[in-house]
């Protein structure tokens, strides 16, 4: 069993208008391991900074991973997306560029996500790897939020991953179709102010397929997250 501990700090930069049209933000996460879709991609502590901008539904985010054990900056991801909604559904469409420096490897994914505005907020996200994986991956999620006080909430969530002939998700680049991983999570976000919050999260990640990457169940502990947002005209 693997313990993953994280500290995330998010800070926004400017505030220009009362009406929310956009926001800029920055955060840094401290994790005992880097875990992605059930795969453990580090041997120890990692630092994951991120900065982003969202304006009228259009967003761009820069994210990176620094491995404390190897003292290497080993991955940078760039995401561009557009979010829009109807009366009962929210949609998010975009592209993620992955640059893995330690392996001198790059790939990219198109994605489309939809969330239904109902009990448990069911959501499905389809990712399609346009390069290295040449296949898809789907994540199904549900979550529920309880207000514990004016400043604190309790979030409970579950996730299931399903591979669609994406060779990145299989050892020796063998593509397959089938369930891949699952995850259960509980988090406690706490608002310090309107623009600043902290969050603790505990998640248990487990394999749904006998793949070398995910044979070990993962216990994820996500410790204080700081969040600050800014709104621009």
Protein backbone atom coordinates (compact mmCIF):
# COMPACT_ATOMS: atom_id res chain seq x y z
CA UNK A 1 0.00 0.00 0.00
CA UNK A 2 1.30 3.44 -0.93
CA UNK A 3 0.81 6.62 1.08
CA UNK A 4 0.66 9.84 -0.92
CA UNK A 5 0.74 13.11 1.00
CA UNK A 6 0.20 16.47 -0.64
CA UNK A 7 0.25 20.17 0.11
CA UNK A 8 -1.28 22.51 -2.46
CA UNK A 9 -1.14 26.29 -2.45
CA UNK A 10 -3.14 28.41 -4.91
CA UNK A 11 -2.89 32.19 -5.24
CA UNK A 12 -4.61 34.66 -7.56
CA UNK A 13 -3.07 37.85 -8.79
CA UNK A 14 -5.55 40.66 -9.55
CA UNK A 15 -9.12 41.81 -9.01
CA UNK A 16 -10.74 44.31 -11.38
CA UNK A 17 -14.51 43.87 -11.49
CA UNK A 18 -17.42 42.98 -9.27
CA UNK A 19 -18.99 40.80 -11.93
CA UNK A 20 -17.04 37.58 -12.31
CA UNK A 21 -15.83 37.23 -15.90
CA UNK A 22 -12.46 35.58 -15.41
CA UNK A 23 -9.72 34.68 -13.03
CA UNK A 24 -6.01 34.08 -12.81
CA UNK A 25 -4.52 31.67 -10.32
CA UNK A 26 -1.35 29.91 -9.25
CA UNK A 27 -0.83 26.91 -7.02
CA UNK A 28 1.86 24.56 -5.81
CA UNK A 29 1.22 21.00 -4.64
CA UNK A 30 3.45 18.86 -2.44
CA UNK A 31 2.82 15.13 -2.88
CA UNK A 32 4.53 12.09 -1.40
CA UNK A 33 4.13 10.45 -4.84
CA UNK A 34 3.01 11.40 -8.34
CA UNK A 35 -0.02 9.27 -9.24
CA UNK A 36 -1.81 9.57 -12.60
CA UNK A 37 -4.79 7.39 -13.55
CA UNK A 38 -3.75 4.80 -10.98
CA UNK A 39 -0.12 4.77 -12.11
CA UNK A 40 2.60 5.60 -9.58
CA UNK A 41 5.02 7.76 -11.55
CA UNK A 42 7.51 8.65 -8.81
CA UNK A 43 9.47 6.94 -6.03
CA UNK A 44 9.00 9.70 -3.51
CA UNK A 45 8.07 13.29 -2.77
CA UNK A 46 7.11 15.54 -5.70
CA UNK A 47 6.30 19.23 -6.06
CA UNK A 48 3.67 20.23 -8.62
CA UNK A 49 3.29 23.97 -9.37
CA UNK A 50 0.59 25.31 -11.68
CA UNK A 51 -0.53 28.67 -13.08
CA UNK A 52 -3.59 29.46 -15.15
CA UNK A 53 -5.95 32.01 -16.63
CA UNK A 54 -9.68 31.70 -17.32
CA UNK A 55 -11.66 34.37 -19.17
CA UNK A 56 -15.31 33.99 -20.17
CA UNK A 57 -15.03 30.21 -20.32
CA UNK A 58 -11.70 30.05 -22.14
CA UNK A 59 -8.79 28.78 -20.07
CA UNK A 60 -5.09 27.99 -20.26
CA UNK A 61 -3.05 26.21 -17.60
CA UNK A 62 0.65 25.40 -17.19
CA UNK A 63 1.48 22.52 -14.82
CA UNK A 64 4.77 20.83 -13.96
CA UNK A 65 6.21 18.08 -11.76
CA UNK A 66 9.47 18.20 -9.79
CA UNK A 67 10.77 14.99 -8.21
CA UNK A 68 12.47 15.69 -4.88
CA UNK A 69 14.25 12.33 -4.78
CA UNK A 70 15.93 12.69 -8.16
CA UNK A 71 15.98 16.50 -7.94
CA UNK A 72 14.68 16.63 -11.50
CA UNK A 73 11.96 18.65 -13.18
CA UNK A 74 10.50 15.76 -15.18
CA UNK A 75 7.18 16.83 -16.72
CA UNK A 76 5.35 19.88 -18.03
CA UNK A 77 1.70 19.87 -19.15
CA UNK A 78 -0.11 22.66 -20.98
CA UNK A 79 -3.92 22.63 -21.10
CA UNK A 80 -6.23 24.85 -23.15
CA UNK A 81 -9.98 24.48 -22.72
CA UNK A 82 -13.41 26.01 -23.16
CA UNK A 83 -16.24 25.55 -20.64
CA UNK A 84 -19.93 26.19 -21.31
CA UNK A 85 -23.24 25.04 -19.87
CA UNK A 86 -26.95 24.52 -20.48
CA UNK A 87 -29.79 24.33 -17.97
CA UNK A 88 -28.80 20.87 -16.73
CA UNK A 89 -25.37 20.09 -18.21
CA UNK A 90 -21.91 21.62 -18.06
CA UNK A 91 -19.41 20.89 -20.83
CA UNK A 92 -15.64 21.24 -20.98
CA UNK A 93 -13.64 20.67 -24.18
CA UNK A 94 -9.93 21.12 -24.71
CA UNK A 95 -6.44 19.80 -25.36
CA UNK A 96 -3.60 18.70 -23.04
CA UNK A 97 0.02 18.67 -24.18
CA UNK A 98 2.28 16.38 -22.11
CA UNK A 99 6.08 16.88 -22.17
CA UNK A 100 7.97 14.29 -20.12
CA UNK A 101 11.50 15.67 -19.93
CA UNK A 102 13.21 12.68 -18.25
CA UNK A 103 12.08 10.34 -21.03
CA UNK A 104 12.39 12.95 -23.80
CA UNK A 105 8.82 12.04 -24.69
CA UNK A 106 5.76 14.08 -25.69
CA UNK A 107 2.13 13.36 -26.45
CA UNK A 108 -1.21 15.13 -26.47
CA UNK A 109 -4.85 14.46 -25.63
CA UNK A 110 -8.10 15.97 -26.81
CA UNK A 111 -10.81 15.80 -24.15
CA UNK A 112 -14.54 16.34 -23.76
CA UNK A 113 -16.24 16.35 -20.37
CA UNK A 114 -19.90 16.59 -19.43
CA UNK A 115 -21.42 16.94 -15.96
CA UNK A 116 -25.11 16.52 -15.16
CA UNK A 117 -26.54 18.98 -12.63
CA UNK A 118 -28.25 16.45 -10.37
CA UNK A 119 -27.69 14.44 -7.21
CA UNK A 120 -24.06 13.17 -7.06
CA UNK A 121 -23.13 15.37 -10.07
CA UNK A 122 -22.40 12.43 -12.40
CA UNK A 123 -19.67 13.23 -14.91
CA UNK A 124 -17.97 11.53 -17.85
CA UNK A 125 -14.74 12.68 -19.51
CA UNK A 126 -13.37 11.23 -22.74
CA UNK A 127 -9.66 11.68 -23.46
CA UNK A 128 -8.20 10.78 -26.85
CA UNK A 129 -4.43 10.50 -27.21
CA UNK A 130 -3.54 11.89 -30.63
CA UNK A 131 0.08 10.75 -30.61
CA UNK A 132 1.86 8.20 -28.40
CA UNK A 133 -1.21 6.35 -27.09
CA UNK A 134 -3.33 6.54 -30.26
CA UNK A 135 -6.44 5.65 -28.28
CA UNK A 136 -8.92 6.84 -25.69
CA UNK A 137 -9.50 6.81 -21.95
CA UNK A 138 -12.77 7.55 -20.14
CA UNK A 139 -13.24 8.63 -16.53
CA UNK A 140 -16.64 8.36 -14.85
CA UNK A 141 -17.08 10.27 -11.59
CA UNK A 142 -19.71 11.03 -8.96
CA UNK A 143 -19.38 13.36 -5.97
CA UNK A 144 -21.46 14.98 -3.27
CA UNK A 145 -20.81 18.03 -1.09
CA UNK A 146 -22.08 18.65 2.43
CA UNK A 147 -21.84 22.06 4.12
CA UNK A 148 -20.36 21.58 7.60
CA UNK A 149 -20.23 25.31 8.32
CA UNK A 150 -20.08 28.62 6.48
CA UNK A 151 -16.37 28.02 5.89
CA UNK A 152 -15.98 24.24 5.69
CA UNK A 153 -17.39 21.55 3.41
CA UNK A 154 -17.15 17.78 3.13
CA UNK A 155 -16.70 16.36 -0.38
CA UNK A 156 -17.16 12.65 -1.11
CA UNK A 157 -16.30 11.25 -4.53
CA UNK A 158 -15.73 8.12 -6.60
CA UNK A 159 -14.03 7.54 -9.95
CA UNK A 160 -13.74 4.69 -12.45
CA UNK A 161 -11.33 4.68 -15.41
CA UNK A 162 -11.93 2.74 -18.66
CA UNK A 163 -9.26 2.31 -21.34
CA UNK A 164 -10.10 2.48 -25.05
CA UNK A 165 -7.12 0.99 -26.95
CA UNK A 166 -4.78 3.60 -25.45
CA UNK A 167 -1.35 1.94 -25.45
CA UNK A 168 0.02 4.44 -22.90
CA UNK A 169 -2.10 2.71 -20.26
CA UNK A 170 -0.65 -0.76 -20.91
CA UNK A 171 2.83 -2.14 -20.25
CA UNK A 172 4.93 -2.73 -23.37
CA UNK A 173 2.58 -0.39 -25.30
CA UNK A 174 -0.08 -3.07 -25.78
CA UNK A 175 -3.49 -1.53 -26.41
CA UNK A 176 -6.65 -2.99 -24.84
CA UNK A 177 -10.25 -2.13 -24.00
CA UNK A 178 -11.47 -2.50 -20.43
CA UNK A 179 -11.78 -1.05 -16.93
CA UNK A 180 -8.45 0.25 -15.62
CA UNK A 181 -8.57 1.88 -12.19
CA UNK A 182 -10.89 3.12 -9.47
CA UNK A 183 -10.66 5.74 -6.76
CA UNK A 184 -12.60 6.74 -3.64
CA UNK A 185 -12.01 10.12 -2.03
CA UNK A 186 -13.01 12.36 0.87
CA UNK A 187 -11.92 15.98 1.17
CA UNK A 188 -12.36 18.90 3.56
CA UNK A 189 -11.98 22.33 1.92
CA UNK A 190 -11.88 25.26 4.33
CA UNK A 191 -12.28 28.89 3.26
CA UNK A 192 -9.93 31.24 5.09
CA UNK A 193 -11.25 34.23 3.13
CA UNK A 194 -13.14 34.92 -0.08
CA UNK A 195 -10.02 34.29 -2.12
CA UNK A 196 -8.05 31.92 0.11
CA UNK A 197 -8.79 28.36 1.22
CA UNK A 198 -7.12 25.20 2.50
CA UNK A 199 -8.11 21.62 1.77
CA UNK A 200 -7.34 18.15 3.10
CA UNK A 201 -8.17 15.10 0.99
CA UNK A 202 -7.91 11.35 1.52
CA UNK A 203 -8.24 9.06 -1.49
CA UNK A 204 -7.88 5.32 -2.04
CA UNK A 205 -6.86 4.29 -5.57
CA UNK A 206 -7.02 0.67 -6.69
CA UNK A 207 -6.49 -1.31 -9.93
CA UNK A 208 -9.34 -2.81 -11.95
CA UNK A 209 -6.95 -4.67 -14.23
CA UNK A 210 -3.77 -6.72 -13.74
CA UNK A 211 -1.36 -4.18 -15.21
CA UNK A 212 2.18 -3.74 -13.92
CA UNK A 213 1.69 -0.01 -13.39
CA UNK A 214 -1.23 -0.37 -10.98
CA UNK A 215 -0.81 -3.67 -9.13
CA UNK A 216 -0.31 -1.87 -5.78
CA UNK A 217 -3.41 -0.25 -4.20
CA UNK A 218 -2.78 3.41 -3.46
CA UNK A 219 -3.80 5.33 -0.36
CA UNK A 220 -3.67 9.02 -1.21
CA UNK A 221 -3.50 11.65 1.52
CA UNK A 222 -3.98 15.19 0.24
CA UNK A 223 -3.06 17.74 2.91
CA UNK A 224 -3.64 21.50 3.14
CA UNK A 225 -4.51 23.20 -0.13
CA UNK A 226 -4.32 26.97 -0.31
CA UNK A 227 -6.51 28.66 -2.89
CA UNK A 228 -6.82 32.28 -3.91
CA UNK A 229 -8.65 33.60 -6.95
CA UNK A 230 -8.81 36.86 -8.86
CA UNK A 231 -11.44 38.21 -11.22
CA UNK A 232 -10.76 40.36 -14.27
CA UNK A 233 -13.02 42.52 -16.38
